[in-house]
Amino acid sequence: MLYRTLFAGAALINAVGAWTPPKEVEEAAKASHWAVLIAGSSGYGNYRHQADVCHAYQIMIKNGIDPDKIITLAVDDVANDDMNPFPGKLFNKPTGDGTPG
């Protein structure tokens, strides 16, 4: 049921197209948004899961979501893993040549 509701909502958004709400409505909506980000995997072999959650966090902040309203759950074992060629860093979009994007 939830899936159908989400699908119908996405279809409605597509049908509406590029409509933009008034600025005051948009600001009020941002102020009330909360997010929960979860990377349920651990270990360097699941690097992408943690990198994706970190990227989603950055996108939310960039779009005005209050960082205090973003709950992030992830095992902190990839950024400083011995196999990470860039210790302390995660990259979500590699260039394909082994360097961060």
C-alpha atoms as a PDB file:
ATOM      1  CA  MET A   1       0.000   0.000   0.000  1.00  0.00           C
ATOM      2  CA  LEU A   2       2.782   2.428   0.929  1.00  0.00           C
ATOM      3  CA  TYR A   3       4.594   1.604  -2.323  1.00  0.00           C
ATOM      4  CA  ARG A   4       1.471   2.438  -4.362  1.00  0.00           C
ATOM      5  CA  THR A   5       1.050   5.708  -2.468  1.00  0.00           C
ATOM      6  CA  LEU A   6       4.668   6.688  -3.121  1.00  0.00           C
ATOM      7  CA  PHE A   7       4.354   5.707  -6.778  1.00  0.00           C
ATOM      8  CA  ALA A   8       1.159   7.737  -7.158  1.00  0.00           C
ATOM      9  CA  GLY A   9       2.842  10.693  -5.468  1.00  0.00           C
ATOM     10  CA  ALA A  10       5.811  10.456  -7.838  1.00  0.00           C
ATOM     11  CA  ALA A  11       3.457  10.287 -10.817  1.00  0.00           C
ATOM     12  CA  LEU A  12       1.616  13.370  -9.573  1.00  0.00           C
ATOM     13  CA  ILE A  13       4.881  15.272  -9.159  1.00  0.00           C
ATOM     14  CA  ASN A  14       5.838  14.290 -12.714  1.00  0.00           C
ATOM     15  CA  ALA A  15       2.469  15.463 -14.017  1.00  0.00           C
ATOM     16  CA  VAL A  16       2.803  18.813 -12.242  1.00  0.00           C
ATOM     17  CA  GLY A  17       6.210  19.322 -13.813  1.00  0.00           C
ATOM     18  CA  ALA A  18       8.361  22.273 -12.846  1.00  0.00           C
ATOM     19  CA  TRP A  19       5.888  23.996 -10.497  1.00  0.00           C
ATOM     20  CA  THR A  20       7.700  25.757  -7.675  1.00  0.00           C
ATOM     21  CA  PRO A  21       5.963  26.578  -4.398  1.00  0.00           C
ATOM     22  CA  PRO A  22       6.048  30.141  -3.057  1.00  0.00           C
ATOM     23  CA  LYS A  23       9.298  30.956  -1.231  1.00  0.00           C
ATOM     24  CA  GLU A  24       7.660  31.158   2.233  1.00  0.00           C
ATOM     25  CA  VAL A  25       6.072  27.719   1.761  1.00  0.00           C
ATOM     26  CA  GLU A  26       9.395  26.254   0.638  1.00  0.00           C
ATOM     27  CA  GLU A  27      11.239  27.726   3.663  1.00  0.00           C
ATOM     28  CA  ALA A  28       8.581  26.469   6.098  1.00  0.00           C
ATOM     29  CA  ALA A  29       8.801  22.981   4.576  1.00  0.00           C
ATOM     30  CA  LYS A  30      12.594  22.909   4.921  1.00  0.00           C
ATOM     31  CA  ALA A  31      12.328  23.932   8.567  1.00  0.00           C
ATOM     32  CA  SER A  32      10.058  20.963   9.317  1.00  0.00           C
ATOM     33  CA  HIS A  33      11.965  18.253   7.418  1.00  0.00           C
ATOM     34  CA  TRP A  34      13.698  15.411   9.233  1.00  0.00           C
ATOM     35  CA  ALA A  35      15.744  12.598   7.721  1.00  0.00           C
ATOM     36  CA  VAL A  36      17.091   9.246   8.857  1.00  0.00           C
ATOM     37  CA  LEU A  37      20.040   7.904   6.851  1.00  0.00           C
ATOM     38  CA  ILE A  38      21.167   4.334   7.428  1.00  0.00           C
ATOM     39  CA  ALA A  39      24.133   2.397   6.044  1.00  0.00           C
ATOM     40  CA  GLY A  40      23.476  -1.093   7.359  1.00  0.00           C
ATOM     41  CA  SER A  41      26.680  -2.655   6.073  1.00  0.00           C
ATOM     42  CA  SER A  42      30.155  -2.733   7.509  1.00  0.00           C
ATOM     43  CA  GLY A  43      33.614  -3.400   6.169  1.00  0.00           C
ATOM     44  CA  TYR A  44      35.598  -1.923   3.300  1.00  0.00           C
ATOM     45  CA  GLY A  45      33.893  -4.263   0.821  1.00  0.00           C
ATOM     46  CA  ASN A  46      30.706  -2.251   1.392  1.00  0.00           C
ATOM     47  CA  TYR A  47      32.395   1.127   0.911  1.00  0.00           C
ATOM     48  CA  ARG A  48      29.640   2.380  -1.389  1.00  0.00           C
ATOM     49  CA  HIS A  49      26.944   2.067   1.272  1.00  0.00           C
ATOM     50  CA  GLN A  50      28.681   4.408   3.680  1.00  0.00           C
ATOM     51  CA  ALA A  51      29.801   6.743   0.878  1.00  0.00           C
ATOM     52  CA  ASP A  52      26.194   6.959  -0.386  1.00  0.00           C
ATOM     53  CA  VAL A  53      24.900   7.889   3.080  1.00  0.00           C
ATOM     54  CA  CYS A  54      27.600  10.566   3.466  1.00  0.00           C
ATOM     55  CA  HIS A  55      26.719  11.947   0.037  1.00  0.00           C
ATOM     56  CA  ALA A  56      22.992  12.014   0.886  1.00  0.00           C
ATOM     57  CA  TYR A  57      23.835  13.923   4.076  1.00  0.00           C
ATOM     58  CA  GLN A  58      25.782  16.542   2.104  1.00  0.00           C
ATOM     59  CA  ILE A  59      22.955  16.930  -0.434  1.00  0.00           C
ATOM     60  CA  MET A  60      20.408  17.445   2.336  1.00  0.00           C
ATOM     61  CA  ILE A  61      22.521  20.143   3.994  1.00  0.00           C
ATOM     62  CA  LYS A  62      23.114  21.813   0.626  1.00  0.00           C
ATOM     63  CA  ASN A  63      19.342  21.940   0.113  1.00  0.00           C
ATOM     64  CA  GLY A  64      18.649  23.592   3.444  1.00  0.00           C
ATOM     65  CA  ILE A  65      17.834  20.714   5.792  1.00  0.00           C
ATOM     66  CA  ASP A  66      19.011  21.525   9.315  1.00  0.00           C
ATOM     67  CA  PRO A  67      21.952  19.195  10.177  1.00  0.00           C
ATOM     68  CA  ASP A  68      20.455  18.806  13.659  1.00  0.00           C
ATOM     69  CA  LYS A  69      17.429  17.161  11.997  1.00  0.00           C
ATOM     70  CA  ILE A  70      19.422  14.523  10.090  1.00  0.00           C
ATOM     71  CA  ILE A  71      19.895  11.277  11.985  1.00  0.00           C
ATOM     72  CA  THR A  72      22.749   9.240  10.508  1.00  0.00           C
ATOM     73  CA  LEU A  73      23.418   5.612  11.426  1.00  0.00           C
ATOM     74  CA  ALA A  74      26.514   3.993   9.952  1.00  0.00           C
ATOM     75  CA  VAL A  75      29.421   1.894  11.102  1.00  0.00           C
ATOM     76  CA  ASP A  76      32.490   4.132  11.078  1.00  0.00           C
ATOM     77  CA  ASP A  77      34.955   1.562   9.733  1.00  0.00           C
ATOM     78  CA  VAL A  78      35.601   2.498   6.099  1.00  0.00           C
ATOM     79  CA  ALA A  79      37.156   5.967   6.038  1.00  0.00           C
ATOM     80  CA  ASN A  80      40.157   4.870   8.102  1.00  0.00           C
ATOM     81  CA  ASP A  81      40.349   1.258   6.920  1.00  0.00           C
ATOM     82  CA  ASP A  82      43.851   0.104   5.945  1.00  0.00           C
ATOM     83  CA  MET A  83      42.570  -0.647   2.423  1.00  0.00           C
ATOM     84  CA  ASN A  84      41.340   2.930   1.849  1.00  0.00           C
ATOM     85  CA  PRO A  85      43.857   4.663  -0.473  1.00  0.00           C
ATOM     86  CA  PHE A  86      42.607   8.060   0.834  1.00  0.00           C
ATOM     87  CA  PRO A  87      42.706   7.653   4.654  1.00  0.00           C
ATOM     88  CA  GLY A  88      39.998   9.566   6.470  1.00  0.00           C
ATOM     89  CA  LYS A  89      38.048  10.317   3.293  1.00  0.00           C
ATOM     90  CA  LEU A  90      35.112   8.802   1.409  1.00  0.00           C
ATOM     91  CA  PHE A  91      34.195   9.475  -2.209  1.00  0.00           C
ATOM     92  CA  ASN A  92      30.826   8.818  -3.766  1.00  0.00           C
ATOM     93  CA  LYS A  93      31.660   9.424  -7.429  1.00  0.00           C
ATOM     94  CA  PRO A  94      34.987   7.970  -8.585  1.00  0.00           C
ATOM     95  CA  THR A  95      36.341   9.157 -11.909  1.00  0.00           C
ATOM     96  CA  GLY A  96      37.105   5.624 -13.017  1.00  0.00           C
ATOM     97  CA  ASP A  97      40.869   6.083 -13.034  1.00  0.00           C
ATOM     98  CA  GLY A  98      41.363   5.415  -9.337  1.00  0.00           C
ATOM     99  CA  THR A  99      41.193   9.038  -8.231  1.00  0.00           C
ATOM    100  CA  PRO A 100      38.280  10.684  -6.441  1.00  0.00           C
ATOM    101  CA  GLY A 101      35.694  12.479  -8.569  1.00  0.00           C
END
